[in-house]
Amino acid sequence: MGAGGARRARRCAAAARLPALAAVVALLGVPAGAPAALAGTPVPTAAGEPSPGPGPARFYQQRLSWARCGPDVQKSARSQGDTAPPGFYDRLECARLTVPRDYDHPDRTALQVQLVRLPATGPGKRLGSLVLNPGGPGASGVDYLIGSGSAFARPNQRYDLVSFDPRGTGRTEPVSCGSRLAPPPGNGADDTLAAKEKRINEACGRYSGGLLPWVGTADVARDMDVLRAAVHDDKLNYLGFSYGTKLGAVYAHEFPDKVGRMVLDGVEDPTKNTWQTALAQARGFQRALDDFTADCVRAADCPLGTDDGRAQDQLLRWYRQLSDTPLTVQGRTVDETTYVYALREALYSRSDWPALRQALAQLRRGDGAGILRLSDRGGSLAPTRGTARGGTAVAVPPRAGIPPRRTGQDDQLPPQDQLALRAISCRDTSERYGAADYPRAERELTRASPLFGPDIAPTLLDCYAWPVAGDDSSRDVAAPDAPPMLLVATTNDPATPYEGAANMARALDNSSVVLTFRGEGHAAYTTGDACIQNHVDRFLMDGVLPERGTSCG
């Protein structure tokens, strides 16, 4: 049995351990008003698309009906303002891709995956479609292409740029956990952080119990193969950022003979589990903050002073002060969590360092408005906007799997994209950390970073009492029969540390090449660095990989 066959056998075995969907829905009590699809009702297909037929072949034979995007997508496009070239939004086309909810039982119910594309612009030979995924998990690929399609203008000359909202996200049957979090039962009931996470997860089970077993990375990879066939490509050409690198690697593992030109930028480390990834990210963000302070203190107007050691102390003092005495900005609270989250958001791209210096200068005067602005910009997994060299506005890929610690009213649920992140991440792992594990997690992560560790530690409770079993099989990305890929890694990437690319290359075992960007930030292609872009574009356009050991920046 080949690697793909063995993987599918493991998935079947894992699925067999899950309760039947009808039983899950009955046990969880899907509430009245929940989408009918969650209770196993067949999903109606869009006009021109096939109904779920016998076996998976029907899905591979469907024809997409590309047309002008609907009002919600158009509204999202127009909200981007004047950052795109003239006529850009008029080129957008949308379609819905029909896929099985459960690939082991493709004749039951189907999902409708929202697609968007920008047709190729150039007169030269068309190379097919280039599928983009911005990461997350939980981020909308549709919104990402709308927000940053102009950053891929050169590949767009010969490729149709295509992106999609993965199952459980955005416009593709999004995960729902209700509108409000139920209060803790009884007076004096356990209201610890772990107990609150458990209540969130129980709500997700009540509202989305019939969907949660089918939102994992392996299922999305299979959706991408149906997409490949639907756009009439023999091979999948792909550019994935952050979590999108894991998705691309899993696709290569499942479908090695269907891999075309594949670029993975901001590479996740497949050798680390959830705990190890959290530690690596705490260290990575601390390293990025150290680089920021070292740069800041060299400037005459640095709000942290001129001594690097004292600058670090000042950052910690502000953290403690905001914990003891939060500021108020236009009726909103700026506390230690808001502060850390603003720091973290600014470290995703070096182009945001001036904004962080300005926000810290305001904070020194007792004004938290700049901190609040930075924190708000990262309030969801939607990509944030940066400015590439040359002044082109681009969308920075979303942060890699670190939702913010919940703030605000106790009955508020996280935003939908963060719920999708949780659902996908929990489906992709069997790890279930609980209240007993949290003190050790907080200690270890705080040692790794006194500022970022306490903020990342709560994310280890995301899967506590999750209503669906996890499956570790997506960590297996071996694809020795797939063609070599291009892996792009940034030396000071805080979210997906640099060494993850080398570990991914070894795990793929297909002679993939690591291209190094010596710089700051998360993912390199959208920094505007001409060297990185030239190497990536040359591979996508001409199939030429850079020599091993090549670096830029």
Protein backbone atom coordinates (compact mmCIF):
# COMPACT_ATOMS: atom_id res chain seq x y z
CA MET A 1 0.00 0.00 0.00
CA GLY A 2 1.40 3.45 -0.99
CA ALA A 3 1.71 6.42 1.35
CA GLY A 4 -1.58 7.91 0.15
CA GLY A 5 -3.39 4.59 0.53
CA ALA A 6 -2.02 4.06 4.02
CA ARG A 7 -3.07 7.57 4.97
CA ARG A 8 -6.61 7.03 3.70
CA ALA A 9 -6.78 3.75 5.64
CA ARG A 10 -5.78 5.59 8.81
CA ARG A 11 -8.42 8.24 8.16
CA CYS A 12 -11.08 5.58 7.69
CA ALA A 13 -10.06 4.00 10.97
CA ALA A 14 -10.18 7.39 12.69
CA ALA A 15 -13.59 8.09 11.21
CA ALA A 16 -14.82 4.73 12.44
CA ARG A 17 -13.98 5.75 15.99
CA LEU A 18 -16.25 8.81 15.68
CA PRO A 19 -19.97 8.47 16.42
CA ALA A 20 -22.23 8.39 13.41
CA LEU A 21 -23.28 11.91 12.42
CA ALA A 22 -26.90 11.30 13.28
CA ALA A 23 -25.88 10.10 16.71
CA VAL A 24 -23.65 13.13 17.21
CA VAL A 25 -26.46 15.49 16.33
CA ALA A 26 -28.92 13.62 18.54
CA LEU A 27 -26.54 13.61 21.49
CA LEU A 28 -25.54 17.24 21.09
CA GLY A 29 -29.06 18.44 20.47
CA VAL A 30 -28.60 20.75 17.48
CA PRO A 31 -30.86 23.67 18.42
CA ALA A 32 -33.82 24.86 16.45
CA GLY A 33 -32.68 27.50 14.01
CA ALA A 34 -29.29 25.86 13.36
CA PRO A 35 -28.55 25.33 9.65
CA ALA A 36 -30.34 22.25 8.33
CA ALA A 37 -27.09 21.00 6.81
CA LEU A 38 -25.69 20.42 10.28
CA ALA A 39 -28.37 17.81 10.92
CA GLY A 40 -27.38 15.83 7.83
CA THR A 41 -29.94 17.26 5.39
CA PRO A 42 -28.60 17.14 1.81
CA VAL A 43 -27.23 20.51 0.72
CA PRO A 44 -28.89 21.90 -2.41
CA THR A 45 -26.43 22.54 -5.21
CA ALA A 46 -26.06 25.76 -7.13
CA ALA A 47 -27.37 26.07 -10.66
CA GLY A 48 -25.17 24.26 -13.16
CA GLU A 49 -23.43 22.15 -10.53
CA PRO A 50 -23.95 18.40 -10.10
CA SER A 51 -25.95 16.85 -7.32
CA PRO A 52 -24.01 14.41 -5.14
CA GLY A 53 -24.10 11.23 -7.19
CA PRO A 54 -22.78 7.73 -6.72
CA GLY A 55 -19.15 7.81 -5.68
CA PRO A 56 -16.65 10.68 -5.89
CA ALA A 57 -16.37 10.75 -9.70
CA ARG A 58 -19.38 13.06 -10.02
CA PHE A 59 -17.59 15.75 -8.05
CA TYR A 60 -14.53 15.54 -10.30
CA GLN A 61 -16.67 15.92 -13.41
CA GLN A 62 -18.47 19.11 -12.40
CA ARG A 63 -18.28 22.32 -14.37
CA LEU A 64 -17.88 25.60 -12.55
CA SER A 65 -20.23 28.45 -13.42
CA TRP A 66 -18.02 31.51 -13.07
CA ALA A 67 -19.98 34.76 -12.89
CA ARG A 68 -19.87 38.22 -11.38
CA CYS A 69 -19.50 37.91 -7.61
CA GLY A 70 -22.51 38.37 -5.36
CA PRO A 71 -23.21 41.45 -3.24
CA ASP A 72 -21.33 40.23 -0.16
CA VAL A 73 -18.12 39.62 -2.10
CA GLN A 74 -18.51 42.87 -4.03
CA LYS A 75 -18.98 44.74 -0.76
CA SER A 76 -15.81 43.18 0.62
CA ALA A 77 -13.98 44.16 -2.55
CA ARG A 78 -15.15 47.76 -2.54
CA SER A 79 -14.19 48.14 1.12
CA GLN A 80 -10.54 47.89 0.07
CA GLY A 81 -10.69 51.49 -1.11
CA ASP A 82 -8.16 52.80 -3.60
CA THR A 83 -5.40 50.26 -2.97
CA ALA A 84 -5.97 48.27 -6.17
CA PRO A 85 -5.27 49.36 -9.77
CA PRO A 86 -8.15 50.59 -11.96
CA GLY A 87 -10.48 47.83 -13.14
CA PHE A 88 -9.14 45.31 -10.63
CA TYR A 89 -12.44 44.60 -8.89
CA ASP A 90 -14.35 44.39 -12.16
CA ARG A 91 -12.28 41.34 -13.06
CA LEU A 92 -13.37 39.33 -10.02
CA GLU A 93 -15.43 36.21 -10.74
CA CYS A 94 -17.04 33.83 -8.28
CA ALA A 95 -18.32 30.25 -8.35
CA ARG A 96 -19.30 27.47 -5.95
CA LEU A 97 -17.52 24.12 -5.90
CA THR A 98 -19.52 21.09 -4.73
CA VAL A 99 -17.58 18.62 -2.57
CA PRO A 100 -18.62 15.71 -0.34
CA ARG A 101 -18.90 16.52 3.31
CA ASP A 102 -17.52 13.07 4.14
CA TYR A 103 -15.21 11.65 1.47
CA ASP A 104 -15.63 8.16 2.87
CA HIS A 105 -19.36 8.46 2.18
CA PRO A 106 -19.56 10.82 -0.81
CA ASP A 107 -23.19 9.94 -1.61
CA ARG A 108 -24.59 11.47 1.57
CA THR A 109 -24.37 15.27 1.87
CA ALA A 110 -22.36 17.92 0.09
CA LEU A 111 -20.76 21.26 0.86
CA GLN A 112 -20.60 24.34 -1.33
CA VAL A 113 -17.10 25.86 -1.33
CA GLN A 114 -16.96 29.56 -2.19
CA LEU A 115 -14.39 30.36 -4.90
CA VAL A 116 -13.05 33.58 -6.37
CA ARG A 117 -10.70 34.12 -9.29
CA LEU A 118 -8.86 36.81 -11.21
CA PRO A 119 -8.48 35.64 -14.83
CA ALA A 120 -5.00 35.82 -16.36
CA THR A 121 -4.17 39.20 -17.84
CA GLY A 122 -1.24 38.64 -20.16
CA PRO A 123 -1.08 37.79 -23.85
CA GLY A 124 1.42 34.98 -23.29
CA LYS A 125 0.73 31.28 -22.93
CA ARG A 126 -1.65 30.59 -20.05
CA LEU A 127 -0.26 28.21 -17.41
CA GLY A 128 -3.56 27.28 -15.78
CA SER A 129 -4.67 28.30 -12.31
CA LEU A 130 -2.57 29.29 -9.31
CA VAL A 131 -4.42 28.48 -6.10
CA LEU A 132 -3.67 30.77 -3.13
CA ASN A 133 -4.19 30.07 0.56
CA PRO A 134 -3.38 32.78 3.14
CA GLY A 135 -3.22 30.52 6.20
CA GLY A 136 -4.85 30.87 9.57
CA PRO A 137 -6.34 28.31 9.69
CA GLY A 138 -9.70 30.00 9.60
CA ALA A 139 -8.85 32.89 7.26
CA SER A 140 -10.95 33.61 4.19
CA GLY A 141 -9.07 32.95 0.98
CA VAL A 142 -11.72 34.90 -0.88
CA ASP A 143 -11.09 38.03 1.18
CA TYR A 144 -7.34 37.51 0.88
CA LEU A 145 -7.37 37.43 -2.91
CA ILE A 146 -9.66 40.48 -2.94
CA GLY A 147 -7.33 42.33 -0.57
CA SER A 148 -4.00 41.37 -2.10
CA GLY A 149 -4.54 40.10 -5.63
CA SER A 150 -2.66 43.06 -7.08
CA ALA A 151 0.47 41.90 -5.19
CA PHE A 152 0.54 38.84 -7.46
CA ALA A 153 0.33 40.81 -10.70
CA ARG A 154 3.27 39.07 -12.34
CA PRO A 155 2.03 35.48 -11.86
CA ASN A 156 -1.44 36.75 -12.79
CA GLN A 157 -0.15 37.51 -16.28
CA ARG A 158 -0.09 33.79 -17.04
CA TYR A 159 -2.16 32.22 -14.28
CA ASP A 160 -5.76 32.61 -13.26
CA LEU A 161 -5.45 33.46 -9.55
CA VAL A 162 -7.93 31.32 -7.62
CA SER A 163 -8.68 31.21 -3.91
CA PHE A 164 -11.41 29.78 -1.71
CA ASP A 165 -12.90 29.77 1.75
CA PRO A 166 -12.02 26.36 3.23
CA ARG A 167 -14.84 24.34 4.76
CA GLY A 168 -15.94 25.77 8.09
CA THR A 169 -14.70 29.29 7.25
CA GLY A 170 -15.98 32.48 5.68
CA ARG A 171 -18.68 31.74 3.12
CA THR A 172 -18.24 27.95 3.12
CA GLU A 173 -20.58 26.62 5.83
CA PRO A 174 -18.83 28.51 8.63
CA VAL A 175 -18.48 26.96 12.06
CA SER A 176 -21.10 28.37 14.42
CA CYS A 177 -21.13 28.25 18.19
CA GLY A 178 -24.22 30.36 18.78
CA SER A 179 -24.45 34.06 19.51
CA ARG A 180 -23.71 34.22 23.24
CA LEU A 181 -21.80 32.06 25.66
CA ALA A 182 -24.01 30.45 28.27
CA PRO A 183 -23.29 31.55 31.87
CA PRO A 184 -21.62 29.09 34.25
CA PRO A 185 -24.21 26.77 35.79
CA GLY A 186 -25.25 27.50 39.39
CA ASN A 187 -23.86 29.89 41.94
CA GLY A 188 -20.18 29.50 42.74
CA ALA A 189 -19.64 27.15 39.80
CA ASP A 190 -16.17 26.69 38.33
CA ASP A 191 -15.45 29.78 36.24
CA THR A 192 -11.76 29.25 35.56
CA LEU A 193 -10.24 29.85 32.14
CA ALA A 194 -10.43 26.12 31.40
CA ALA A 195 -14.11 26.05 32.38
CA LYS A 196 -14.87 28.97 30.04
CA GLU A 197 -13.07 27.25 27.16
CA LYS A 198 -15.07 24.11 27.87
CA ARG A 199 -18.32 26.09 27.67
CA ILE A 200 -17.27 27.57 24.32
CA ASN A 201 -16.47 24.13 22.99
CA GLU A 202 -19.72 22.64 24.21
CA ALA A 203 -21.57 25.43 22.39
CA CYS A 204 -19.64 24.64 19.19
CA GLY A 205 -20.75 21.03 19.54
CA ARG A 206 -24.37 22.04 19.96
CA TYR A 207 -24.44 24.27 16.91
CA SER A 208 -21.93 22.62 14.55
CA GLY A 209 -21.63 19.05 15.78
CA GLY A 210 -22.47 17.59 12.36
CA LEU A 211 -19.76 19.65 10.64
CA LEU A 212 -16.83 19.48 13.06
CA PRO A 213 -15.58 15.99 12.10
CA TRP A 214 -15.08 17.15 8.51
CA VAL A 215 -13.17 20.45 8.74
CA GLY A 216 -9.64 19.04 9.12
CA THR A 217 -6.72 19.81 6.83
CA ALA A 218 -6.87 16.42 5.10
CA ASP A 219 -10.46 17.08 4.00
CA VAL A 220 -9.55 20.54 2.70
CA ALA A 221 -6.64 19.02 0.76
CA ARG A 222 -9.10 16.68 -0.93
CA ASP A 223 -11.32 19.66 -1.73
CA MET A 224 -8.32 21.24 -3.46
CA ASP A 225 -7.94 18.19 -5.67
CA VAL A 226 -11.60 18.47 -6.71
CA LEU A 227 -10.88 22.17 -7.38
CA ARG A 228 -7.86 21.24 -9.50
CA ALA A 229 -10.03 19.02 -11.67
CA ALA A 230 -12.82 21.61 -11.86
CA VAL A 231 -10.44 24.24 -13.29
CA HIS A 232 -9.18 21.64 -15.79
CA ASP A 233 -5.60 21.47 -14.52
CA ASP A 234 -3.68 18.19 -14.62
CA LYS A 235 -1.47 19.43 -11.77
CA LEU A 236 -2.14 21.76 -8.83
CA ASN A 237 -0.09 24.96 -8.94
CA TYR A 238 -0.18 26.47 -5.48
CA LEU A 239 1.13 29.31 -3.31
CA GLY A 240 0.41 28.91 0.40
CA PHE A 241 1.36 31.08 3.35
CA SER A 242 1.69 30.13 7.02
CA TYR A 243 -0.89 27.40 7.77
CA GLY A 244 -1.31 27.26 3.99
CA THR A 245 2.13 25.61 3.88
CA LYS A 246 0.80 22.73 5.96
CA LEU A 247 -2.21 22.47 3.68
CA GLY A 248 0.05 22.33 0.62
CA ALA A 249 2.29 19.71 2.20
CA VAL A 250 -0.70 17.54 3.15
CA TYR A 251 -1.97 17.83 -0.42
CA ALA A 252 1.42 16.64 -1.70
CA HIS A 253 1.27 13.70 0.70
CA GLU A 254 -2.23 12.74 -0.45
CA PHE A 255 -1.78 13.46 -4.18
CA PRO A 256 1.95 13.38 -5.03
CA ASP A 257 1.30 12.73 -8.72
CA LYS A 258 -0.91 15.83 -8.96
CA VAL A 259 1.61 18.35 -7.57
CA GLY A 260 2.60 21.08 -10.02
CA ARG A 261 4.62 24.16 -9.09
CA MET A 262 4.14 24.57 -5.36
CA VAL A 263 5.53 27.40 -3.20
CA LEU A 264 5.26 27.31 0.61
CA ASP A 265 6.10 30.63 2.34
CA GLY A 266 6.29 31.05 6.14
CA VAL A 267 6.63 27.32 6.63
CA GLU A 268 4.98 25.47 9.52
CA ASP A 269 7.10 22.85 11.27
CA PRO A 270 5.50 19.41 10.89
CA THR A 271 7.76 17.88 13.54
CA LYS A 272 6.33 19.92 16.42
CA ASN A 273 3.15 19.20 18.36
CA THR A 274 0.83 21.91 19.70
CA TRP A 275 2.80 22.46 22.92
CA GLN A 276 6.14 22.63 21.11
CA THR A 277 4.69 25.00 18.52
CA ALA A 278 3.45 27.33 21.26
CA LEU A 279 6.92 27.41 22.83
CA ALA A 280 8.56 28.06 19.46
CA GLN A 281 6.18 30.94 18.78
CA ALA A 282 6.76 32.49 22.21
CA ARG A 283 10.51 32.40 21.56
CA GLY A 284 10.00 33.66 18.02
CA PHE A 285 7.98 36.69 19.07
CA GLN A 286 10.46 37.46 21.84
CA ARG A 287 13.29 37.31 19.30
CA ALA A 288 11.38 39.68 17.00
CA LEU A 289 10.73 42.07 19.89
CA ASP A 290 14.44 42.02 20.75
CA ASP A 291 15.21 42.99 17.15
CA PHE A 292 12.65 45.80 17.30
CA THR A 293 14.07 47.26 20.51
CA ALA A 294 17.66 46.99 19.21
CA ASP A 295 16.57 48.95 16.14
CA CYS A 296 14.53 51.46 18.12
CA VAL A 297 17.22 52.46 20.61
CA ARG A 298 19.52 53.47 17.76
CA ALA A 299 17.06 56.22 16.79
CA ALA A 300 17.15 59.58 18.52
CA ASP A 301 13.39 59.66 19.10
CA CYS A 302 12.93 56.10 20.42
CA PRO A 303 10.26 56.12 23.19
CA LEU A 304 12.18 53.31 24.91
CA GLY A 305 15.35 55.33 25.41
CA THR A 306 18.83 54.57 24.12
CA ASP A 307 19.80 51.48 26.16
CA ASP A 308 18.57 48.08 24.98
CA GLY A 309 18.39 46.53 28.47
CA ARG A 310 16.39 49.44 29.85
CA ALA A 311 14.13 49.33 26.81
CA GLN A 312 13.17 45.75 27.61
CA ASP A 313 12.52 46.73 31.22
CA GLN A 314 10.29 49.59 30.08
CA LEU A 315 8.19 47.26 27.92
CA LEU A 316 7.62 45.01 30.94
CA ARG A 317 6.79 47.97 33.19
CA TRP A 318 4.07 49.11 30.79
CA TYR A 319 2.69 45.58 30.77
CA ARG A 320 2.41 45.56 34.57
CA GLN A 321 1.03 49.09 34.73
CA LEU A 322 -1.73 48.30 32.23
CA SER A 323 -2.53 45.14 34.18
CA ASP A 324 -2.93 47.13 37.41
CA THR A 325 -4.45 50.29 35.91
CA PRO A 326 -5.88 49.95 32.41
CA LEU A 327 -6.33 53.04 30.26
CA THR A 328 -9.61 54.09 28.67
CA VAL A 329 -9.79 55.24 25.04
CA GLN A 330 -13.19 56.45 23.82
CA GLY A 331 -14.94 54.24 26.32
CA ARG A 332 -12.82 51.18 25.56
CA THR A 333 -10.32 49.50 27.84
CA VAL A 334 -6.64 49.23 26.97
CA ASP A 335 -5.19 46.62 29.32
CA GLU A 336 -2.18 44.31 29.34
CA THR A 337 -3.82 41.94 26.86
CA THR A 338 -4.53 44.75 24.39
CA TYR A 339 -0.93 45.88 24.80
CA VAL A 340 0.66 42.48 24.16
CA TYR A 341 -1.61 41.87 21.22
CA ALA A 342 -0.62 45.22 19.66
CA LEU A 343 3.05 44.33 20.07
CA ARG A 344 2.49 40.96 18.47
CA GLU A 345 0.57 42.36 15.51
CA ALA A 346 3.28 44.92 14.78
CA LEU A 347 5.96 42.22 14.73
CA TYR A 348 4.39 40.38 11.81
CA SER A 349 5.92 42.87 9.41
CA ARG A 350 8.91 45.19 9.74
CA SER A 351 6.89 47.79 7.83
CA ASP A 352 4.76 48.12 11.00
CA TRP A 353 7.68 49.05 13.26
CA PRO A 354 7.22 52.84 12.75
CA ALA A 355 3.56 52.50 13.78
CA LEU A 356 4.62 50.61 16.90
CA ARG A 357 7.20 53.27 17.80
CA GLN A 358 4.52 55.93 17.45
CA ALA A 359 2.05 53.93 19.57
CA LEU A 360 4.66 53.47 22.31
CA ALA A 361 5.46 57.20 22.22
CA GLN A 362 1.75 57.90 22.78
CA LEU A 363 1.66 55.35 25.59
CA ARG A 364 4.58 57.09 27.26
CA ARG A 365 2.34 60.18 27.39
CA GLY A 366 -0.49 58.15 28.91
CA ASP A 367 -2.42 57.80 25.65
CA GLY A 368 -3.39 54.24 24.62
CA ALA A 369 -4.99 55.16 21.27
CA GLY A 370 -2.10 53.87 19.16
CA ILE A 371 -1.95 50.59 21.08
CA LEU A 372 -5.69 50.15 20.58
CA ARG A 373 -5.41 50.80 16.83
CA LEU A 374 -2.71 48.15 16.40
CA SER A 375 -4.63 45.66 18.52
CA ASP A 376 -7.87 46.27 16.61
CA ARG A 377 -6.19 45.67 13.29
CA GLY A 378 -5.47 42.12 14.37
CA GLY A 379 -8.92 41.54 15.85
CA SER A 380 -9.60 38.72 13.41
CA LEU A 381 -7.70 36.39 11.11
CA ALA A 382 -8.34 38.66 8.15
CA PRO A 383 -4.99 39.71 6.70
CA THR A 384 -3.67 43.10 7.72
CA ARG A 385 -2.44 45.60 5.19
CA GLY A 386 1.21 46.50 4.85
CA THR A 387 3.21 48.49 2.32
CA ALA A 388 5.75 46.70 0.19
CA ARG A 389 8.89 48.38 -1.11
CA GLY A 390 7.88 50.60 -3.97
CA GLY A 391 4.69 51.67 -2.21
CA THR A 392 2.43 48.82 -3.30
CA ALA A 393 -0.22 48.00 -0.71
CA VAL A 394 -0.39 44.28 0.03
CA ALA A 395 -2.21 42.08 2.51
CA VAL A 396 0.08 40.43 5.02
CA PRO A 397 -0.87 36.77 5.58
CA PRO A 398 -2.85 36.23 8.78
CA ARG A 399 -1.11 35.29 11.98
CA ALA A 400 -0.26 31.64 12.34
CA GLY A 401 -2.69 29.94 14.66
CA ILE A 402 -2.48 32.27 17.68
CA PRO A 403 -5.86 33.77 18.50
CA PRO A 404 -5.84 36.61 21.03
CA ARG A 405 -6.73 35.94 24.62
CA ARG A 406 -10.43 36.66 24.95
CA THR A 407 -11.31 40.02 26.42
CA GLY A 408 -14.54 41.91 26.96
CA GLN A 409 -17.78 40.58 28.36
CA ASP A 410 -17.81 37.06 29.72
CA ASP A 411 -20.73 36.05 27.51
CA GLN A 412 -19.02 36.99 24.26
CA LEU A 413 -17.79 34.25 21.94
CA PRO A 414 -14.64 34.62 19.84
CA PRO A 415 -15.16 35.90 16.28
CA GLN A 416 -16.12 33.35 13.65
CA ASP A 417 -12.70 33.08 12.06
CA GLN A 418 -11.17 32.27 15.45
CA LEU A 419 -13.83 29.62 16.01
CA ALA A 420 -12.90 28.15 12.62
CA LEU A 421 -9.23 28.21 13.63
CA ARG A 422 -10.14 26.30 16.78
CA ALA A 423 -12.27 23.75 14.93
CA ILE A 424 -9.64 23.01 12.29
CA SER A 425 -6.76 22.92 14.76
CA CYS A 426 -8.62 20.61 17.15
CA ARG A 427 -9.56 18.26 14.32
CA ASP A 428 -5.89 18.11 13.33
CA THR A 429 -4.57 17.00 16.73
CA SER A 430 -5.36 14.43 19.39
CA GLU A 431 -3.83 16.67 22.08
CA ARG A 432 -6.34 17.75 24.69
CA TYR A 433 -4.78 19.93 27.38
CA GLY A 434 -6.88 20.87 30.38
CA ALA A 435 -6.87 22.69 33.69
CA ALA A 436 -4.23 20.39 35.19
CA ASP A 437 -1.79 21.20 32.35
CA TYR A 438 -2.24 24.96 32.39
CA PRO A 439 0.09 25.95 35.30
CA ARG A 440 3.04 24.15 33.68
CA ALA A 441 2.21 25.65 30.28
CA GLU A 442 2.12 29.16 31.71
CA ARG A 443 5.44 28.63 33.52
CA GLU A 444 7.26 27.27 30.48
CA LEU A 445 5.88 29.84 28.08
CA THR A 446 6.57 32.73 30.46
CA ARG A 447 10.18 31.57 30.72
CA ALA A 448 10.34 31.61 26.93
CA SER A 449 8.92 35.16 26.83
CA PRO A 450 7.75 37.18 29.85
CA LEU A 451 5.51 39.27 27.56
CA PHE A 452 4.20 36.85 24.96
CA GLY A 453 4.27 33.57 26.89
CA PRO A 454 1.33 34.39 29.22
CA ASP A 455 -0.69 35.50 26.18
CA ILE A 456 -0.03 32.32 24.18
CA ALA A 457 -0.51 29.88 27.07
CA PRO A 458 -4.35 30.07 27.06
CA THR A 459 -4.44 28.84 23.46
CA LEU A 460 -3.33 25.42 24.71
CA LEU A 461 -6.79 25.10 26.27
CA ASP A 462 -8.58 25.62 22.94
CA CYS A 463 -9.26 21.89 22.51
CA TYR A 464 -10.22 21.19 26.11
CA ALA A 465 -13.40 19.06 26.01
CA TRP A 466 -13.67 19.56 22.25
CA PRO A 467 -16.72 17.53 21.11
CA VAL A 468 -14.95 15.73 18.25
CA ALA A 469 -11.92 13.44 18.40
CA GLY A 470 -8.67 14.70 16.90
CA ASP A 471 -6.60 13.04 14.20
CA ASP A 472 -2.80 13.42 14.10
CA SER A 473 -2.42 12.01 10.60
CA SER A 474 -2.05 15.45 9.00
CA ARG A 475 1.40 15.69 10.59
CA ASP A 476 2.57 13.06 8.10
CA VAL A 477 3.63 15.07 5.05
CA ALA A 478 6.05 12.62 3.45
CA ALA A 479 5.80 13.03 -0.32
CA PRO A 480 8.90 11.38 -1.84
CA ASP A 481 7.14 10.89 -5.18
CA ALA A 482 6.08 14.54 -5.51
CA PRO A 483 8.24 16.97 -7.52
CA PRO A 484 10.48 19.37 -5.55
CA MET A 485 8.80 22.45 -4.09
CA LEU A 486 10.10 25.89 -3.20
CA LEU A 487 10.03 26.61 0.57
CA VAL A 488 10.54 30.26 1.55
CA ALA A 489 11.72 30.95 5.10
CA THR A 490 12.43 34.22 6.93
CA THR A 491 15.26 34.15 9.46
CA ASN A 492 13.33 36.25 12.02
CA ASP A 493 9.80 35.06 11.37
CA PRO A 494 8.11 35.18 14.80
CA ALA A 495 5.10 33.00 13.95
CA THR A 496 6.69 30.22 11.90
CA PRO A 497 10.33 30.15 13.02
CA TYR A 498 13.01 29.71 10.38
CA GLU A 499 14.08 26.18 11.29
CA GLY A 500 10.61 24.89 10.45
CA ALA A 501 11.37 25.10 6.73
CA ALA A 502 14.36 22.77 6.99
CA ASN A 503 12.28 20.33 9.04
CA MET A 504 9.50 20.50 6.44
CA ALA A 505 11.96 19.87 3.61
CA ARG A 506 13.28 16.78 5.38
CA ALA A 507 9.78 15.54 6.15
CA LEU A 508 8.65 15.97 2.53
CA ASP A 509 11.70 13.98 1.38
CA ASN A 510 11.32 15.15 -2.23
CA SER A 511 14.42 17.34 -2.72
CA SER A 512 12.52 20.57 -2.04
CA VAL A 513 14.65 23.73 -1.92
CA VAL A 514 14.69 26.26 0.96
CA LEU A 515 15.03 29.90 -0.12
CA THR A 516 16.14 32.10 2.80
CA PHE A 517 15.01 35.67 3.38
CA ARG A 518 17.33 37.32 5.88
CA GLY A 519 14.94 39.72 7.51
CA GLU A 520 11.97 40.30 9.77
CA GLY A 521 8.29 39.43 9.60
CA HIS A 522 5.93 36.62 8.77
CA ALA A 523 6.25 35.30 5.18
CA ALA A 524 8.56 36.91 2.64
CA TYR A 525 6.87 37.16 -0.75
CA THR A 526 4.60 40.02 0.31
CA THR A 527 7.45 42.06 1.86
CA GLY A 528 8.17 43.42 -1.60
CA ASP A 529 11.76 42.12 -1.58
CA ALA A 530 12.65 41.96 -5.28
CA CYS A 531 15.08 39.07 -4.84
CA ILE A 532 12.50 36.83 -3.16
CA GLN A 533 9.80 37.77 -5.63
CA ASN A 534 12.05 37.13 -8.62
CA HIS A 535 12.97 33.63 -7.41
CA VAL A 536 9.35 32.74 -6.58
CA ASP A 537 8.02 34.15 -9.85
CA ARG A 538 10.69 32.42 -11.88
CA PHE A 539 9.75 29.09 -10.36
CA LEU A 540 6.04 29.67 -10.87
CA MET A 541 6.44 30.97 -14.42
CA ASP A 542 9.35 28.90 -15.73
CA GLY A 543 9.69 26.01 -13.28
CA VAL A 544 13.26 26.99 -12.33
CA LEU A 545 14.21 26.48 -8.68
CA PRO A 546 16.96 28.59 -7.08
CA GLU A 547 20.20 26.87 -6.20
CA ARG A 548 20.37 25.32 -2.76
CA GLY A 549 21.62 27.77 -0.16
CA THR A 550 20.31 30.84 -1.98
CA SER A 551 19.43 33.75 0.31
CA CYS A 552 18.00 37.24 -0.10
CA GLY A 553 17.67 40.29 2.10
